[in-house]
Amino acid sequence: MGYGHKAVPHADARLDGGIRNKAVRGKLRRGLPTGIVWGEAESEMPLHPDAAVVSTLRAVFAPFSEFGTGHRV
């Protein structure tokens, strides 16, 4: 038998249980989209503090409001 991900099935159950417990407590944090960061408060998700990141994202998404569709961008 190999040493793949499923070699120790109880480990997956423990990880899943930990994730569920965090979710129930409201403490589960997942990765955010590029350009958004976790803030100081639990529900705060401000834009990235680097102005270059924010300006690049705005430049990428600006055509969507102009053209109304991703196919025309």
C-alpha atoms as a PDB file:
ATOM      1  CA  MET A   1       0.000   0.000   0.000  1.00  0.00           C
ATOM      2  CA  GLY A   2       1.314   3.467  -0.858  1.00  0.00           C
ATOM      3  CA  TYR A   3       1.636   6.486   1.354  1.00  0.00           C
ATOM      4  CA  GLY A   4      -1.055   8.494  -0.396  1.00  0.00           C
ATOM      5  CA  HIS A   5      -3.498  10.934   1.125  1.00  0.00           C
ATOM      6  CA  LYS A   6      -5.982   8.218   2.128  1.00  0.00           C
ATOM      7  CA  ALA A   7      -3.389   6.023   3.912  1.00  0.00           C
ATOM      8  CA  VAL A   8      -4.693   7.170   7.321  1.00  0.00           C
ATOM      9  CA  PRO A   9      -8.486   7.611   7.038  1.00  0.00           C
ATOM     10  CA  HIS A  10      -8.958   8.698  10.666  1.00  0.00           C
ATOM     11  CA  ALA A  11      -6.682  11.697  10.040  1.00  0.00           C
ATOM     12  CA  ASP A  12      -9.143  13.042   7.464  1.00  0.00           C
ATOM     13  CA  ALA A  13     -12.003  12.619   9.921  1.00  0.00           C
ATOM     14  CA  ARG A  14     -10.102  14.569  12.573  1.00  0.00           C
ATOM     15  CA  LEU A  15      -9.307  17.378  10.130  1.00  0.00           C
ATOM     16  CA  ASP A  16     -12.912  17.538   8.954  1.00  0.00           C
ATOM     17  CA  GLY A  17     -14.106  17.617  12.561  1.00  0.00           C
ATOM     18  CA  GLY A  18     -11.765  20.502  13.357  1.00  0.00           C
ATOM     19  CA  ILE A  19     -12.975  22.455  10.341  1.00  0.00           C
ATOM     20  CA  ARG A  20     -16.606  21.864  11.288  1.00  0.00           C
ATOM     21  CA  ASN A  21     -15.967  22.961  14.881  1.00  0.00           C
ATOM     22  CA  LYS A  22     -14.353  26.202  13.706  1.00  0.00           C
ATOM     23  CA  ALA A  23     -17.277  26.837  11.364  1.00  0.00           C
ATOM     24  CA  VAL A  24     -19.799  26.303  14.165  1.00  0.00           C
ATOM     25  CA  ARG A  25     -17.897  28.749  16.384  1.00  0.00           C
ATOM     26  CA  GLY A  26     -17.672  31.282  13.545  1.00  0.00           C
ATOM     27  CA  LYS A  27     -13.861  31.101  13.520  1.00  0.00           C
ATOM     28  CA  LEU A  28     -13.317  29.404  10.145  1.00  0.00           C
ATOM     29  CA  ARG A  29     -11.353  31.544   7.715  1.00  0.00           C
ATOM     30  CA  ARG A  30     -10.816  30.462   4.149  1.00  0.00           C
ATOM     31  CA  GLY A  31      -8.645  32.030   1.489  1.00  0.00           C
ATOM     32  CA  LEU A  32      -9.922  35.305   0.096  1.00  0.00           C
ATOM     33  CA  PRO A  33      -9.825  36.409  -3.542  1.00  0.00           C
ATOM     34  CA  THR A  34      -6.775  38.326  -4.718  1.00  0.00           C
ATOM     35  CA  GLY A  35      -6.934  41.935  -3.611  1.00  0.00           C
ATOM     36  CA  ILE A  36      -8.947  41.360  -0.426  1.00  0.00           C
ATOM     37  CA  VAL A  37      -7.369  40.739   2.981  1.00  0.00           C
ATOM     38  CA  TRP A  38      -8.638  39.802   6.439  1.00  0.00           C
ATOM     39  CA  GLY A  39      -9.211  42.862   8.614  1.00  0.00           C
ATOM     40  CA  GLU A  40      -8.866  43.392  12.342  1.00  0.00           C
ATOM     41  CA  ALA A  41     -12.537  42.683  13.082  1.00  0.00           C
ATOM     42  CA  GLU A  42     -13.903  39.194  12.402  1.00  0.00           C
ATOM     43  CA  SER A  43     -16.186  40.256   9.558  1.00  0.00           C
ATOM     44  CA  GLU A  44     -13.928  42.971   8.112  1.00  0.00           C
ATOM     45  CA  MET A  45     -12.444  42.278   4.662  1.00  0.00           C
ATOM     46  CA  PRO A  46     -10.873  45.461   3.267  1.00  0.00           C
ATOM     47  CA  LEU A  47      -9.067  45.857  -0.032  1.00  0.00           C
ATOM     48  CA  HIS A  48      -5.375  45.006  -0.114  1.00  0.00           C
ATOM     49  CA  PRO A  49      -3.204  47.726   1.474  1.00  0.00           C
ATOM     50  CA  ASP A  50      -0.873  47.805  -1.554  1.00  0.00           C
ATOM     51  CA  ALA A  51      -2.208  50.472  -3.925  1.00  0.00           C
ATOM     52  CA  ALA A  52      -0.584  48.739  -6.914  1.00  0.00           C
ATOM     53  CA  VAL A  53      -2.626  45.583  -6.266  1.00  0.00           C
ATOM     54  CA  VAL A  54      -5.875  47.543  -5.987  1.00  0.00           C
ATOM     55  CA  SER A  55      -5.210  49.664  -9.079  1.00  0.00           C
ATOM     56  CA  THR A  56      -4.366  46.566 -11.123  1.00  0.00           C
ATOM     57  CA  LEU A  57      -7.580  44.848 -10.077  1.00  0.00           C
ATOM     58  CA  ARG A  58      -9.602  47.941 -10.894  1.00  0.00           C
ATOM     59  CA  ALA A  59      -7.949  48.154 -14.320  1.00  0.00           C
ATOM     60  CA  VAL A  60      -8.738  44.502 -15.004  1.00  0.00           C
ATOM     61  CA  PHE A  61     -12.388  44.758 -13.962  1.00  0.00           C
ATOM     62  CA  ALA A  62     -13.167  48.247 -15.337  1.00  0.00           C
ATOM     63  CA  PRO A  63     -14.062  46.928 -18.823  1.00  0.00           C
ATOM     64  CA  PHE A  64     -16.797  44.736 -17.321  1.00  0.00           C
ATOM     65  CA  SER A  65     -18.846  47.794 -16.401  1.00  0.00           C
ATOM     66  CA  GLU A  66     -18.233  49.267 -19.848  1.00  0.00           C
ATOM     67  CA  PHE A  67     -18.987  46.161 -21.928  1.00  0.00           C
ATOM     68  CA  GLY A  68     -21.333  44.339 -19.570  1.00  0.00           C
ATOM     69  CA  THR A  69     -19.907  40.901 -20.332  1.00  0.00           C
ATOM     70  CA  GLY A  70     -16.661  39.002 -19.970  1.00  0.00           C
ATOM     71  CA  HIS A  71     -16.752  37.844 -23.587  1.00  0.00           C
ATOM     72  CA  ARG A  72     -16.248  41.375 -24.900  1.00  0.00           C
ATOM     73  CA  VAL A  73     -13.432  42.263 -22.487  1.00  0.00           C
END
